[in-house]
N, C-alpha and C. Protein backbone atom coordinates (compact mmCIF):
# COMPACT_ATOMS: atom_id res chain seq x y z
N MET A 1 19.74 -14.22 -13.35
CA MET A 1 20.49 -13.10 -12.84
C MET A 1 19.56 -12.07 -12.18
N ASN A 2 18.41 -11.76 -12.82
CA ASN A 2 17.48 -10.81 -12.23
C ASN A 2 16.95 -11.30 -10.89
N ILE A 3 16.70 -12.60 -10.80
CA ILE A 3 16.21 -13.17 -9.54
C ILE A 3 17.25 -13.00 -8.45
N ASP A 4 18.51 -13.26 -8.77
CA ASP A 4 19.59 -13.10 -7.80
C ASP A 4 19.71 -11.64 -7.35
N ALA A 5 19.62 -10.72 -8.29
CA ALA A 5 19.72 -9.29 -7.96
C ALA A 5 18.55 -8.87 -7.07
N GLY A 6 17.35 -9.34 -7.40
CA GLY A 6 16.18 -9.02 -6.59
C GLY A 6 16.30 -9.55 -5.18
N ARG A 7 16.76 -10.77 -5.05
CA ARG A 7 16.95 -11.36 -3.71
C ARG A 7 18.01 -10.60 -2.92
N ALA A 8 19.08 -10.20 -3.59
CA ALA A 8 20.14 -9.45 -2.92
C ALA A 8 19.61 -8.09 -2.43
N CYS A 9 18.82 -7.43 -3.25
CA CYS A 9 18.23 -6.14 -2.85
C CYS A 9 17.27 -6.32 -1.69
N ALA A 10 16.45 -7.35 -1.73
CA ALA A 10 15.50 -7.61 -0.64
C ALA A 10 16.25 -7.89 0.66
N MET A 11 17.31 -8.68 0.59
CA MET A 11 18.10 -8.97 1.78
C MET A 11 18.75 -7.70 2.33
N TYR A 12 19.28 -6.87 1.44
CA TYR A 12 19.92 -5.63 1.86
C TYR A 12 18.91 -4.74 2.58
N HIS A 13 17.74 -4.58 1.98
CA HIS A 13 16.70 -3.75 2.59
C HIS A 13 16.30 -4.31 3.95
N ASP A 14 16.10 -5.61 4.02
CA ASP A 14 15.67 -6.23 5.26
C ASP A 14 16.70 -6.04 6.37
N GLU A 15 17.97 -6.13 6.03
CA GLU A 15 19.04 -6.01 7.02
C GLU A 15 19.34 -4.56 7.41
N HIS A 16 19.24 -3.64 6.47
CA HIS A 16 19.73 -2.28 6.70
C HIS A 16 18.64 -1.23 6.95
N VAL A 17 17.43 -1.48 6.53
CA VAL A 17 16.37 -0.50 6.79
C VAL A 17 15.68 -0.91 8.10
N ARG A 18 16.37 -0.61 9.17
CA ARG A 18 15.93 -0.92 10.54
C ARG A 18 16.20 0.30 11.40
N ASN A 19 15.53 0.37 12.53
CA ASN A 19 15.72 1.48 13.47
C ASN A 19 15.53 2.83 12.79
N VAL A 20 14.48 2.93 12.00
CA VAL A 20 14.20 4.15 11.24
C VAL A 20 13.44 5.14 12.12
N LYS A 21 13.94 6.37 12.16
CA LYS A 21 13.22 7.46 12.81
C LYS A 21 12.51 8.23 11.70
N ALA A 22 11.22 8.00 11.58
CA ALA A 22 10.44 8.56 10.47
C ALA A 22 9.72 9.83 10.89
N SER A 23 9.43 10.69 9.90
CA SER A 23 8.67 11.91 10.18
C SER A 23 7.17 11.65 10.03
N VAL A 24 6.76 11.16 8.89
CA VAL A 24 5.37 10.80 8.60
C VAL A 24 5.40 9.59 7.68
N ILE A 25 4.63 8.56 8.00
CA ILE A 25 4.57 7.37 7.15
C ILE A 25 3.28 7.40 6.34
N GLN A 26 3.43 7.26 5.03
CA GLN A 26 2.28 7.19 4.13
C GLN A 26 2.28 5.82 3.47
N CYS A 27 1.19 5.09 3.63
CA CYS A 27 1.08 3.75 3.07
C CYS A 27 0.13 3.75 1.89
N ASP A 28 0.44 2.94 0.92
CA ASP A 28 -0.42 2.81 -0.24
C ASP A 28 -0.19 1.46 -0.88
N GLY A 29 -1.13 1.06 -1.70
CA GLY A 29 -1.02 -0.18 -2.45
C GLY A 29 -0.93 0.11 -3.94
N ILE A 30 -0.11 -0.64 -4.62
CA ILE A 30 0.06 -0.49 -6.07
C ILE A 30 -0.42 -1.79 -6.71
N TRP A 31 -1.41 -1.69 -7.58
CA TRP A 31 -1.96 -2.87 -8.24
C TRP A 31 -1.21 -3.15 -9.53
N SER A 32 -0.96 -4.41 -9.77
CA SER A 32 -0.43 -4.88 -11.06
C SER A 32 -0.92 -6.32 -11.22
N PHE A 33 -0.44 -6.99 -12.23
CA PHE A 33 -0.81 -8.39 -12.37
C PHE A 33 0.40 -9.19 -12.81
N THR A 34 0.36 -10.46 -12.47
CA THR A 34 1.40 -11.40 -12.83
C THR A 34 0.82 -12.38 -13.84
N TYR A 35 1.40 -12.44 -15.02
CA TYR A 35 1.00 -13.30 -16.12
C TYR A 35 -0.30 -12.85 -16.77
N ALA A 36 -1.37 -12.71 -15.99
CA ALA A 36 -2.67 -12.29 -16.53
C ALA A 36 -3.48 -11.65 -15.41
N LYS A 37 -4.43 -10.80 -15.77
CA LYS A 37 -5.31 -10.21 -14.77
C LYS A 37 -6.15 -11.31 -14.13
N GLN A 38 -6.52 -11.09 -12.89
CA GLN A 38 -7.26 -12.09 -12.12
C GLN A 38 -8.51 -12.57 -12.86
N LYS A 39 -9.23 -11.65 -13.48
CA LYS A 39 -10.47 -12.02 -14.17
C LYS A 39 -10.23 -12.92 -15.38
N ASN A 40 -8.99 -12.97 -15.88
CA ASN A 40 -8.67 -13.78 -17.06
C ASN A 40 -7.96 -15.09 -16.74
N ILE A 41 -7.68 -15.35 -15.48
CA ILE A 41 -6.92 -16.55 -15.09
C ILE A 41 -7.64 -17.83 -15.48
N LYS A 42 -8.95 -17.88 -15.30
CA LYS A 42 -9.70 -19.11 -15.61
C LYS A 42 -9.55 -19.52 -17.06
N THR A 43 -9.43 -18.57 -17.96
CA THR A 43 -9.33 -18.90 -19.39
C THR A 43 -7.90 -18.82 -19.92
N ALA A 44 -6.95 -18.44 -19.07
CA ALA A 44 -5.55 -18.35 -19.51
C ALA A 44 -4.96 -19.75 -19.67
N THR A 45 -4.14 -19.91 -20.69
CA THR A 45 -3.48 -21.20 -20.90
C THR A 45 -2.18 -21.24 -20.12
N ALA A 46 -1.99 -22.30 -19.40
CA ALA A 46 -0.75 -22.55 -18.65
C ALA A 46 -0.40 -21.43 -17.67
N ALA A 47 -1.40 -20.89 -16.99
CA ALA A 47 -1.12 -19.85 -16.00
C ALA A 47 -0.35 -20.46 -14.84
N PRO A 48 0.80 -19.90 -14.50
CA PRO A 48 1.60 -20.46 -13.40
C PRO A 48 0.96 -20.16 -12.04
N GLU A 49 1.39 -20.88 -11.03
CA GLU A 49 0.93 -20.61 -9.67
C GLU A 49 1.32 -19.18 -9.31
N GLY A 50 0.42 -18.46 -8.69
CA GLY A 50 0.70 -17.08 -8.32
C GLY A 50 0.27 -16.08 -9.38
N ALA A 51 -0.27 -16.56 -10.49
CA ALA A 51 -0.72 -15.65 -11.54
C ALA A 51 -1.96 -14.90 -11.07
N GLY A 52 -2.15 -13.71 -11.60
CA GLY A 52 -3.33 -12.92 -11.28
C GLY A 52 -2.95 -11.58 -10.67
N ASP A 53 -3.91 -10.99 -9.97
CA ASP A 53 -3.70 -9.68 -9.37
C ASP A 53 -2.56 -9.74 -8.36
N THR A 54 -1.73 -8.73 -8.39
CA THR A 54 -0.59 -8.63 -7.48
C THR A 54 -0.57 -7.23 -6.90
N TRP A 55 -0.45 -7.15 -5.59
CA TRP A 55 -0.41 -5.86 -4.91
C TRP A 55 0.96 -5.65 -4.27
N THR A 56 1.49 -4.46 -4.42
CA THR A 56 2.71 -4.07 -3.72
C THR A 56 2.30 -3.06 -2.65
N TRP A 57 2.43 -3.47 -1.41
CA TRP A 57 2.13 -2.62 -0.26
C TRP A 57 3.37 -1.78 0.01
N THR A 58 3.23 -0.47 0.17
CA THR A 58 4.38 0.40 0.41
C THR A 58 4.13 1.29 1.62
N ALA A 59 5.19 1.51 2.39
CA ALA A 59 5.18 2.46 3.50
C ALA A 59 6.37 3.39 3.28
N ILE A 60 6.08 4.64 2.99
CA ILE A 60 7.12 5.60 2.64
C ILE A 60 7.19 6.69 3.70
N ASP A 61 8.41 7.00 4.15
CA ASP A 61 8.62 8.13 5.04
C ASP A 61 8.58 9.39 4.17
N SER A 62 7.58 10.24 4.38
CA SER A 62 7.41 11.38 3.49
C SER A 62 8.55 12.39 3.60
N GLY A 63 9.26 12.41 4.71
CA GLY A 63 10.38 13.34 4.87
C GLY A 63 11.59 12.95 4.05
N SER A 64 12.00 11.71 4.17
CA SER A 64 13.22 11.24 3.49
C SER A 64 12.94 10.54 2.17
N LYS A 65 11.69 10.18 1.92
CA LYS A 65 11.27 9.40 0.74
C LYS A 65 11.78 7.96 0.79
N LEU A 66 12.20 7.51 1.95
CA LEU A 66 12.66 6.14 2.13
C LEU A 66 11.47 5.19 2.16
N ILE A 67 11.56 4.11 1.41
CA ILE A 67 10.56 3.04 1.52
C ILE A 67 10.95 2.22 2.74
N VAL A 68 10.23 2.45 3.83
CA VAL A 68 10.55 1.80 5.09
C VAL A 68 10.16 0.33 5.05
N SER A 69 9.02 0.04 4.47
CA SER A 69 8.55 -1.34 4.38
C SER A 69 7.80 -1.53 3.07
N TYR A 70 7.84 -2.76 2.57
CA TYR A 70 7.07 -3.11 1.38
C TYR A 70 6.75 -4.59 1.46
N MET A 71 5.71 -4.97 0.75
CA MET A 71 5.33 -6.38 0.68
C MET A 71 4.61 -6.60 -0.64
N VAL A 72 4.86 -7.72 -1.27
CA VAL A 72 4.20 -8.06 -2.53
C VAL A 72 3.33 -9.28 -2.30
N GLY A 73 2.07 -9.20 -2.73
CA GLY A 73 1.17 -10.33 -2.55
C GLY A 73 -0.27 -9.95 -2.82
N GLY A 74 -1.16 -10.49 -2.00
CA GLY A 74 -2.59 -10.23 -2.16
C GLY A 74 -3.02 -8.97 -1.44
N ARG A 75 -4.30 -8.70 -1.49
CA ARG A 75 -4.85 -7.50 -0.82
C ARG A 75 -5.92 -7.94 0.17
N ASP A 76 -5.49 -8.67 1.18
CA ASP A 76 -6.43 -9.13 2.20
C ASP A 76 -5.85 -8.86 3.58
N SER A 77 -6.60 -9.20 4.61
CA SER A 77 -6.18 -8.88 5.97
C SER A 77 -4.90 -9.59 6.38
N GLU A 78 -4.67 -10.78 5.87
CA GLU A 78 -3.43 -11.50 6.20
C GLU A 78 -2.20 -10.72 5.73
N TYR A 79 -2.25 -10.21 4.52
CA TYR A 79 -1.14 -9.40 4.03
C TYR A 79 -1.05 -8.07 4.77
N ALA A 80 -2.19 -7.46 5.06
CA ALA A 80 -2.20 -6.19 5.79
C ALA A 80 -1.55 -6.34 7.16
N ILE A 81 -1.86 -7.41 7.85
CA ILE A 81 -1.29 -7.66 9.17
C ILE A 81 0.22 -7.86 9.07
N GLY A 82 0.66 -8.70 8.14
CA GLY A 82 2.09 -8.92 7.96
C GLY A 82 2.83 -7.64 7.60
N PHE A 83 2.23 -6.84 6.75
CA PHE A 83 2.83 -5.58 6.32
C PHE A 83 2.96 -4.60 7.49
N MET A 84 1.90 -4.42 8.27
CA MET A 84 1.96 -3.49 9.40
C MET A 84 2.89 -3.99 10.50
N ASP A 85 2.92 -5.29 10.73
CA ASP A 85 3.87 -5.84 11.71
C ASP A 85 5.30 -5.53 11.28
N ASP A 86 5.59 -5.72 9.99
CA ASP A 86 6.93 -5.44 9.49
C ASP A 86 7.27 -3.95 9.62
N LEU A 87 6.32 -3.09 9.27
CA LEU A 87 6.54 -1.64 9.40
C LEU A 87 6.83 -1.28 10.85
N HIS A 88 6.02 -1.76 11.76
CA HIS A 88 6.21 -1.47 13.18
C HIS A 88 7.60 -1.87 13.65
N ASP A 89 8.06 -3.04 13.23
CA ASP A 89 9.37 -3.55 13.66
C ASP A 89 10.53 -2.72 13.14
N ARG A 90 10.32 -1.92 12.12
CA ARG A 90 11.40 -1.12 11.52
C ARG A 90 11.50 0.29 12.10
N LEU A 91 10.48 0.75 12.79
CA LEU A 91 10.45 2.12 13.30
C LEU A 91 10.95 2.21 14.73
N THR A 92 11.59 3.34 15.05
CA THR A 92 12.04 3.58 16.42
C THR A 92 11.21 4.64 17.13
N ASN A 93 10.37 5.32 16.39
CA ASN A 93 9.60 6.41 16.99
C ASN A 93 8.13 6.31 16.61
N ARG A 94 7.35 7.10 17.31
CA ARG A 94 5.92 7.20 17.01
C ARG A 94 5.76 8.25 15.91
N ALA A 95 5.49 7.79 14.71
CA ALA A 95 5.33 8.69 13.56
C ALA A 95 3.88 8.66 13.10
N PRO A 96 3.32 9.79 12.69
CA PRO A 96 1.97 9.77 12.13
C PRO A 96 1.91 8.80 10.95
N LEU A 97 0.81 8.08 10.85
CA LEU A 97 0.63 7.04 9.84
C LEU A 97 -0.67 7.29 9.09
N THR A 98 -0.59 7.29 7.75
CA THR A 98 -1.77 7.46 6.91
C THR A 98 -1.86 6.31 5.93
N THR A 99 -3.08 5.79 5.75
CA THR A 99 -3.33 4.76 4.74
C THR A 99 -4.54 5.19 3.92
N ASP A 100 -4.82 4.42 2.88
CA ASP A 100 -6.07 4.63 2.16
C ASP A 100 -7.21 4.00 2.97
N GLY A 101 -8.39 3.94 2.42
CA GLY A 101 -9.55 3.47 3.15
C GLY A 101 -9.77 1.97 3.17
N HIS A 102 -8.78 1.19 2.75
CA HIS A 102 -8.91 -0.27 2.72
C HIS A 102 -9.17 -0.78 4.15
N LYS A 103 -10.28 -1.48 4.34
CA LYS A 103 -10.70 -1.91 5.68
C LYS A 103 -9.70 -2.81 6.38
N ALA A 104 -8.92 -3.56 5.63
CA ALA A 104 -7.95 -4.48 6.25
C ALA A 104 -6.91 -3.73 7.07
N TYR A 105 -6.67 -2.46 6.76
CA TYR A 105 -5.70 -1.69 7.54
C TYR A 105 -6.13 -1.49 8.98
N LEU A 106 -7.42 -1.38 9.24
CA LEU A 106 -7.90 -1.07 10.59
C LEU A 106 -7.41 -2.08 11.61
N GLU A 107 -7.67 -3.35 11.37
CA GLU A 107 -7.23 -4.41 12.28
C GLU A 107 -5.71 -4.51 12.30
N ALA A 108 -5.09 -4.36 11.14
CA ALA A 108 -3.64 -4.52 11.04
C ALA A 108 -2.90 -3.44 11.82
N VAL A 109 -3.34 -2.20 11.71
CA VAL A 109 -2.69 -1.10 12.44
C VAL A 109 -2.88 -1.29 13.94
N GLU A 110 -4.09 -1.62 14.35
CA GLU A 110 -4.36 -1.86 15.77
C GLU A 110 -3.50 -2.99 16.32
N GLY A 111 -3.40 -4.08 15.56
CA GLY A 111 -2.61 -5.22 16.01
C GLY A 111 -1.12 -4.92 16.11
N ALA A 112 -0.60 -4.15 15.18
CA ALA A 112 0.84 -3.87 15.16
C ALA A 112 1.24 -2.76 16.12
N PHE A 113 0.44 -1.70 16.19
CA PHE A 113 0.83 -0.51 16.95
C PHE A 113 0.04 -0.33 18.25
N GLY A 114 -1.08 -1.03 18.39
CA GLY A 114 -1.94 -0.80 19.55
C GLY A 114 -2.40 0.65 19.55
N GLY A 115 -2.34 1.28 20.71
CA GLY A 115 -2.71 2.69 20.81
C GLY A 115 -1.55 3.63 20.60
N ASP A 116 -0.38 3.09 20.32
CA ASP A 116 0.83 3.91 20.19
C ASP A 116 1.05 4.36 18.75
N VAL A 117 0.03 5.01 18.17
CA VAL A 117 0.13 5.48 16.79
C VAL A 117 -0.84 6.63 16.58
N ASP A 118 -0.46 7.57 15.76
CA ASP A 118 -1.35 8.63 15.31
C ASP A 118 -1.77 8.24 13.91
N TYR A 119 -2.93 7.62 13.79
CA TYR A 119 -3.35 6.97 12.54
C TYR A 119 -4.56 7.65 11.93
N ALA A 120 -4.52 7.81 10.61
CA ALA A 120 -5.66 8.35 9.87
C ALA A 120 -5.79 7.61 8.55
N GLN A 121 -7.03 7.43 8.12
CA GLN A 121 -7.29 6.90 6.79
C GLN A 121 -7.73 8.05 5.91
N LEU A 122 -7.12 8.14 4.75
CA LEU A 122 -7.50 9.13 3.75
C LEU A 122 -8.42 8.44 2.76
N ILE A 123 -9.68 8.82 2.77
CA ILE A 123 -10.66 8.17 1.91
C ILE A 123 -11.00 9.12 0.78
N LYS A 124 -10.67 8.71 -0.42
CA LYS A 124 -10.90 9.53 -1.61
C LYS A 124 -12.31 9.27 -2.14
N LEU A 125 -13.00 10.33 -2.44
CA LEU A 125 -14.34 10.23 -3.02
C LEU A 125 -14.25 10.66 -4.48
N TYR A 126 -14.70 9.81 -5.36
CA TYR A 126 -14.64 10.10 -6.78
C TYR A 126 -16.03 10.41 -7.30
N GLY A 127 -16.09 11.19 -8.35
CA GLY A 127 -17.37 11.52 -8.96
C GLY A 127 -17.78 12.93 -8.60
N ASN A 128 -18.99 13.25 -8.93
CA ASN A 128 -19.51 14.59 -8.72
C ASN A 128 -20.24 14.68 -7.39
N ALA A 129 -20.17 15.84 -6.79
CA ALA A 129 -20.92 16.08 -5.56
C ALA A 129 -22.41 16.05 -5.88
N PRO A 130 -23.23 15.63 -4.94
CA PRO A 130 -24.68 15.60 -5.19
C PRO A 130 -25.17 16.97 -5.65
N GLY A 131 -25.96 16.97 -6.71
CA GLY A 131 -26.53 18.21 -7.22
C GLY A 131 -25.64 18.98 -8.18
N SER A 132 -24.43 18.50 -8.44
CA SER A 132 -23.55 19.22 -9.36
C SER A 132 -23.73 18.68 -10.77
N ARG A 133 -23.33 19.47 -11.74
CA ARG A 133 -23.40 19.04 -13.13
C ARG A 133 -22.26 18.08 -13.41
N SER A 134 -22.45 17.18 -14.33
CA SER A 134 -21.44 16.17 -14.59
C SER A 134 -20.35 16.62 -15.54
N VAL A 135 -20.57 17.72 -16.28
CA VAL A 135 -19.59 18.17 -17.27
C VAL A 135 -19.28 19.64 -17.02
N PRO A 136 -17.99 20.01 -16.91
CA PRO A 136 -17.66 21.43 -16.76
C PRO A 136 -18.12 22.21 -18.00
N LEU A 137 -18.57 23.42 -17.79
CA LEU A 137 -19.02 24.26 -18.89
C LEU A 137 -17.88 25.12 -19.40
N LYS A 138 -17.56 25.01 -20.69
CA LYS A 138 -16.54 25.83 -21.36
C LYS A 138 -15.22 25.86 -20.58
N GLY A 139 -14.82 24.76 -20.02
CA GLY A 139 -13.53 24.68 -19.33
C GLY A 139 -13.52 25.30 -17.95
N GLY A 140 -14.61 25.89 -17.53
CA GLY A 140 -14.66 26.51 -16.21
C GLY A 140 -15.11 25.51 -15.16
N PRO A 141 -15.29 26.00 -13.95
CA PRO A 141 -15.76 25.11 -12.89
C PRO A 141 -17.18 24.65 -13.15
N THR A 142 -17.53 23.53 -12.56
CA THR A 142 -18.90 23.04 -12.72
C THR A 142 -19.85 23.97 -11.98
N ARG A 143 -21.07 24.04 -12.49
CA ARG A 143 -22.08 24.91 -11.87
C ARG A 143 -23.14 24.04 -11.22
N PRO A 144 -23.74 24.54 -10.13
CA PRO A 144 -24.82 23.76 -9.49
C PRO A 144 -26.06 23.67 -10.34
């Protein structure tokens, strides 16, 4: 029953989320795993085909919160290209597009949109700035 409901929802989205006039598209990937984490597949007993790391690619219109496009699968350039092609086919306007720093997006965005896109990658830097202390003092800001 869950499989039937999922297929029905996917078909509905595919048929009806078309010709979208978006304000700003924000793309991101959500990591999860199927059956077992990728690093544990070799030692897992009876791991089914498709087991391991699973990524859900999402493209959300920040104005309406509509998920314009999504794809579930791996995190490589083949999936990035398919995802961006699908997103492009659903939009009717040139909307600003933001992704994370995953390199596969570069080729995929260029292939799907060509020069007809206002594209930026948001690259998050984690950790401490060079020369800063690693632990805040007494709950306050870190000191140089």
